[in-house]
């Protein structure tokens, strides 16, 4: 599998998770929606880091590296890093707490942020020709 193949698979999985989050939200399962939205963002963060030859073994390390290598450098908008951190926190609440307080409004807000996050990462990867077979070989 080439780098381009792996990056395309990661973005495709992020998009599938966005779809799953929408279905969960429509069914009133806001905890699951928030979890899937976080993972959509997380897979995209992993993809852009992998494109730079960087891999990490923990979620916190991925989030920190994304901030350092993409938000602080201006390669991607700074708010994406804040949104990834926010999604990580909400995912933790949704996955591990029984009374979460995660509402439909919270899920909708995060859904909009995750959509923008995924689109920005995909645009970055396309701009850098990293999704092209030739660019990812």
C-alpha atoms as a PDB file:
ATOM      1  CA  UNK A   1       0.000   0.000   0.000  1.00  0.00           C
ATOM      2  CA  UNK A   2       1.409   3.388  -0.967  1.00  0.00           C
ATOM      3  CA  UNK A   3       1.314   6.442   1.262  1.00  0.00           C
ATOM      4  CA  UNK A   4      -1.366   7.923  -1.011  1.00  0.00           C
ATOM      5  CA  UNK A   5      -3.470   4.751  -0.631  1.00  0.00           C
ATOM      6  CA  UNK A   6      -3.134   4.885   3.143  1.00  0.00           C
ATOM      7  CA  UNK A   7      -4.028   8.579   3.292  1.00  0.00           C
ATOM      8  CA  UNK A   8      -7.075   8.054   1.057  1.00  0.00           C
ATOM      9  CA  UNK A   9      -8.195   5.170   3.302  1.00  0.00           C
ATOM     10  CA  UNK A  10      -7.843   7.339   6.408  1.00  0.00           C
ATOM     11  CA  UNK A  11      -9.870  10.179   4.878  1.00  0.00           C
ATOM     12  CA  UNK A  12     -12.493   7.717   3.618  1.00  0.00           C
ATOM     13  CA  UNK A  13     -12.837   6.268   7.104  1.00  0.00           C
ATOM     14  CA  UNK A  14     -13.207   9.782   8.524  1.00  0.00           C
ATOM     15  CA  UNK A  15     -16.010  10.453   6.036  1.00  0.00           C
ATOM     16  CA  UNK A  16     -17.740   7.170   6.965  1.00  0.00           C
ATOM     17  CA  UNK A  17     -17.558   8.174  10.622  1.00  0.00           C
ATOM     18  CA  UNK A  18     -19.103  11.530   9.749  1.00  0.00           C
ATOM     19  CA  UNK A  19     -22.019   9.636   8.157  1.00  0.00           C
ATOM     20  CA  UNK A  20     -22.324   7.352  11.188  1.00  0.00           C
ATOM     21  CA  UNK A  21     -22.349  10.378  13.490  1.00  0.00           C
ATOM     22  CA  UNK A  22     -25.224  11.890  11.514  1.00  0.00           C
ATOM     23  CA  UNK A  23     -27.258   8.688  11.836  1.00  0.00           C
ATOM     24  CA  UNK A  24     -26.554   8.506  15.571  1.00  0.00           C
ATOM     25  CA  UNK A  25     -27.546  12.158  16.007  1.00  0.00           C
ATOM     26  CA  UNK A  26     -30.774  11.598  14.092  1.00  0.00           C
ATOM     27  CA  UNK A  27     -31.575   8.731  16.481  1.00  0.00           C
ATOM     28  CA  UNK A  28     -30.892  10.878  19.532  1.00  0.00           C
ATOM     29  CA  UNK A  29     -27.655   9.094  20.436  1.00  0.00           C
ATOM     30  CA  UNK A  30     -25.584  12.226  20.952  1.00  0.00           C
ATOM     31  CA  UNK A  31     -22.806  10.457  22.875  1.00  0.00           C
ATOM     32  CA  UNK A  32     -22.123   8.146  19.934  1.00  0.00           C
ATOM     33  CA  UNK A  33     -22.394  11.037  17.481  1.00  0.00           C
ATOM     34  CA  UNK A  34     -19.772  13.030  19.373  1.00  0.00           C
ATOM     35  CA  UNK A  35     -17.497   9.984  19.625  1.00  0.00           C
ATOM     36  CA  UNK A  36     -17.653   9.297  15.884  1.00  0.00           C
ATOM     37  CA  UNK A  37     -17.091  12.996  15.099  1.00  0.00           C
ATOM     38  CA  UNK A  38     -13.981  13.017  17.267  1.00  0.00           C
ATOM     39  CA  UNK A  39     -12.635   9.933  15.530  1.00  0.00           C
ATOM     40  CA  UNK A  40     -13.297  11.462  12.106  1.00  0.00           C
ATOM     41  CA  UNK A  41     -11.150  14.422  13.134  1.00  0.00           C
ATOM     42  CA  UNK A  42      -8.558  12.194  14.804  1.00  0.00           C
ATOM     43  CA  UNK A  43      -8.084  10.043  11.677  1.00  0.00           C
ATOM     44  CA  UNK A  44      -7.578  13.181   9.617  1.00  0.00           C
ATOM     45  CA  UNK A  45      -5.045  14.521  12.118  1.00  0.00           C
ATOM     46  CA  UNK A  46      -3.229  11.190  11.947  1.00  0.00           C
ATOM     47  CA  UNK A  47      -3.304  11.373   8.136  1.00  0.00           C
ATOM     48  CA  UNK A  48      -1.611  14.765   7.854  1.00  0.00           C
ATOM     49  CA  UNK A  49       0.970  13.743  10.440  1.00  0.00           C
ATOM     50  CA  UNK A  50       1.620  10.477   8.597  1.00  0.00           C
ATOM     51  CA  UNK A  51       2.055  12.498   5.407  1.00  0.00           C
ATOM     52  CA  UNK A  52       4.970  14.202   7.187  1.00  0.00           C
ATOM     53  CA  UNK A  53       6.364  10.853   8.314  1.00  0.00           C
ATOM     54  CA  UNK A  54       5.108  11.222  11.880  1.00  0.00           C
ATOM     55  CA  UNK A  55       3.207   8.586  13.870  1.00  0.00           C
ATOM     56  CA  UNK A  56       2.272   8.513  17.540  1.00  0.00           C
ATOM     57  CA  UNK A  57       1.012   5.937  20.002  1.00  0.00           C
ATOM     58  CA  UNK A  58      -1.485   8.047  21.952  1.00  0.00           C
ATOM     59  CA  UNK A  59      -4.364  10.359  21.230  1.00  0.00           C
ATOM     60  CA  UNK A  60      -2.824  13.158  23.294  1.00  0.00           C
ATOM     61  CA  UNK A  61       0.434  12.876  21.348  1.00  0.00           C
ATOM     62  CA  UNK A  62      -1.425  13.094  18.014  1.00  0.00           C
ATOM     63  CA  UNK A  63      -3.370  16.140  19.208  1.00  0.00           C
ATOM     64  CA  UNK A  64      -0.232  17.876  20.497  1.00  0.00           C
ATOM     65  CA  UNK A  65       1.741  17.128  17.328  1.00  0.00           C
ATOM     66  CA  UNK A  66      -1.131  18.342  15.156  1.00  0.00           C
ATOM     67  CA  UNK A  67      -1.109  21.630  17.060  1.00  0.00           C
ATOM     68  CA  UNK A  68       2.666  21.964  16.834  1.00  0.00           C
ATOM     69  CA  UNK A  69       3.091  20.983  13.203  1.00  0.00           C
ATOM     70  CA  UNK A  70      -0.065  22.359  11.612  1.00  0.00           C
ATOM     71  CA  UNK A  71      -1.830  24.962  13.765  1.00  0.00           C
ATOM     72  CA  UNK A  72       1.220  26.822  15.085  1.00  0.00           C
ATOM     73  CA  UNK A  73       2.929  26.795  11.689  1.00  0.00           C
ATOM     74  CA  UNK A  74      -0.138  28.066   9.827  1.00  0.00           C
ATOM     75  CA  UNK A  75      -0.275  25.025   7.548  1.00  0.00           C
ATOM     76  CA  UNK A  76      -3.863  24.620   8.726  1.00  0.00           C
ATOM     77  CA  UNK A  77      -6.127  27.058  10.607  1.00  0.00           C
ATOM     78  CA  UNK A  78      -5.455  27.284  14.348  1.00  0.00           C
ATOM     79  CA  UNK A  79      -9.079  26.718  15.263  1.00  0.00           C
ATOM     80  CA  UNK A  80      -8.838  23.162  13.926  1.00  0.00           C
ATOM     81  CA  UNK A  81      -6.505  22.298  16.783  1.00  0.00           C
ATOM     82  CA  UNK A  82      -8.913  23.798  19.335  1.00  0.00           C
ATOM     83  CA  UNK A  83     -11.791  21.867  17.779  1.00  0.00           C
ATOM     84  CA  UNK A  84      -9.813  18.616  17.914  1.00  0.00           C
ATOM     85  CA  UNK A  85      -9.086  19.212  21.607  1.00  0.00           C
ATOM     86  CA  UNK A  86     -12.753  20.021  22.253  1.00  0.00           C
ATOM     87  CA  UNK A  87     -13.873  16.884  20.417  1.00  0.00           C
ATOM     88  CA  UNK A  88     -11.405  14.766  22.422  1.00  0.00           C
ATOM     89  CA  UNK A  89     -12.845  16.097  25.681  1.00  0.00           C
ATOM     90  CA  UNK A  90     -16.453  15.562  24.590  1.00  0.00           C
ATOM     91  CA  UNK A  91     -15.648  12.071  23.305  1.00  0.00           C
ATOM     92  CA  UNK A  92     -14.217  11.184  26.710  1.00  0.00           C
ATOM     93  CA  UNK A  93     -17.385  12.384  28.413  1.00  0.00           C
ATOM     94  CA  UNK A  94     -19.649  10.615  25.922  1.00  0.00           C
ATOM     95  CA  UNK A  95     -17.740   7.349  26.039  1.00  0.00           C
ATOM     96  CA  UNK A  96     -17.081   7.088  29.768  1.00  0.00           C
ATOM     97  CA  UNK A  97     -19.750   9.035  31.666  1.00  0.00           C
ATOM     98  CA  UNK A  98     -23.290   7.759  32.181  1.00  0.00           C
ATOM     99  CA  UNK A  99     -24.930  11.170  32.567  1.00  0.00           C
ATOM    100  CA  UNK A 100     -23.102  13.187  29.939  1.00  0.00           C
ATOM    101  CA  UNK A 101     -25.185  16.278  29.346  1.00  0.00           C
ATOM    102  CA  UNK A 102     -24.284  16.077  25.642  1.00  0.00           C
ATOM    103  CA  UNK A 103     -27.218  17.583  23.797  1.00  0.00           C
ATOM    104  CA  UNK A 104     -28.339  17.672  20.202  1.00  0.00           C
ATOM    105  CA  UNK A 105     -27.057  21.255  20.018  1.00  0.00           C
ATOM    106  CA  UNK A 106     -23.634  20.085  21.197  1.00  0.00           C
ATOM    107  CA  UNK A 107     -23.611  17.291  18.624  1.00  0.00           C
ATOM    108  CA  UNK A 108     -24.715  19.648  15.824  1.00  0.00           C
ATOM    109  CA  UNK A 109     -22.045  22.192  16.753  1.00  0.00           C
ATOM    110  CA  UNK A 110     -19.319  19.551  16.787  1.00  0.00           C
ATOM    111  CA  UNK A 111     -20.665  18.081  13.546  1.00  0.00           C
ATOM    112  CA  UNK A 112     -20.171  21.415  11.778  1.00  0.00           C
ATOM    113  CA  UNK A 113     -16.651  21.719  13.189  1.00  0.00           C
ATOM    114  CA  UNK A 114     -15.758  18.145  12.256  1.00  0.00           C
ATOM    115  CA  UNK A 115     -17.060  18.679   8.715  1.00  0.00           C
ATOM    116  CA  UNK A 116     -14.856  21.748   8.319  1.00  0.00           C
ATOM    117  CA  UNK A 117     -11.907  19.876   9.869  1.00  0.00           C
ATOM    118  CA  UNK A 118     -12.209  16.923   7.477  1.00  0.00           C
ATOM    119  CA  UNK A 119     -12.635  19.201   4.465  1.00  0.00           C
ATOM    120  CA  UNK A 120      -9.614  21.329   5.441  1.00  0.00           C
ATOM    121  CA  UNK A 121      -7.388  18.276   5.875  1.00  0.00           C
ATOM    122  CA  UNK A 122      -8.541  16.739   2.621  1.00  0.00           C
ATOM    123  CA  UNK A 123      -7.940  20.041   0.797  1.00  0.00           C
ATOM    124  CA  UNK A 124      -4.466  20.271   2.346  1.00  0.00           C
ATOM    125  CA  UNK A 125      -3.600  16.731   1.275  1.00  0.00           C
ATOM    126  CA  UNK A 126      -4.888  17.413  -2.252  1.00  0.00           C
ATOM    127  CA  UNK A 127      -3.010  20.731  -2.461  1.00  0.00           C
ATOM    128  CA  UNK A 128       0.194  18.948  -1.462  1.00  0.00           C
ATOM    129  CA  UNK A 129      -0.541  16.208  -4.041  1.00  0.00           C
ATOM    130  CA  UNK A 130      -0.403  13.625  -1.273  1.00  0.00           C
ATOM    131  CA  UNK A 131      -3.568  11.854  -2.399  1.00  0.00           C
ATOM    132  CA  UNK A 132      -2.187  11.409  -5.912  1.00  0.00           C
ATOM    133  CA  UNK A 133      -0.695   8.009  -6.635  1.00  0.00           C
ATOM    134  CA  UNK A 134       2.492   9.674  -7.872  1.00  0.00           C
ATOM    135  CA  UNK A 135       2.693  12.126  -4.962  1.00  0.00           C
ATOM    136  CA  UNK A 136       2.230   9.428  -2.374  1.00  0.00           C
ATOM    137  CA  UNK A 137       4.595   6.819  -3.754  1.00  0.00           C
END
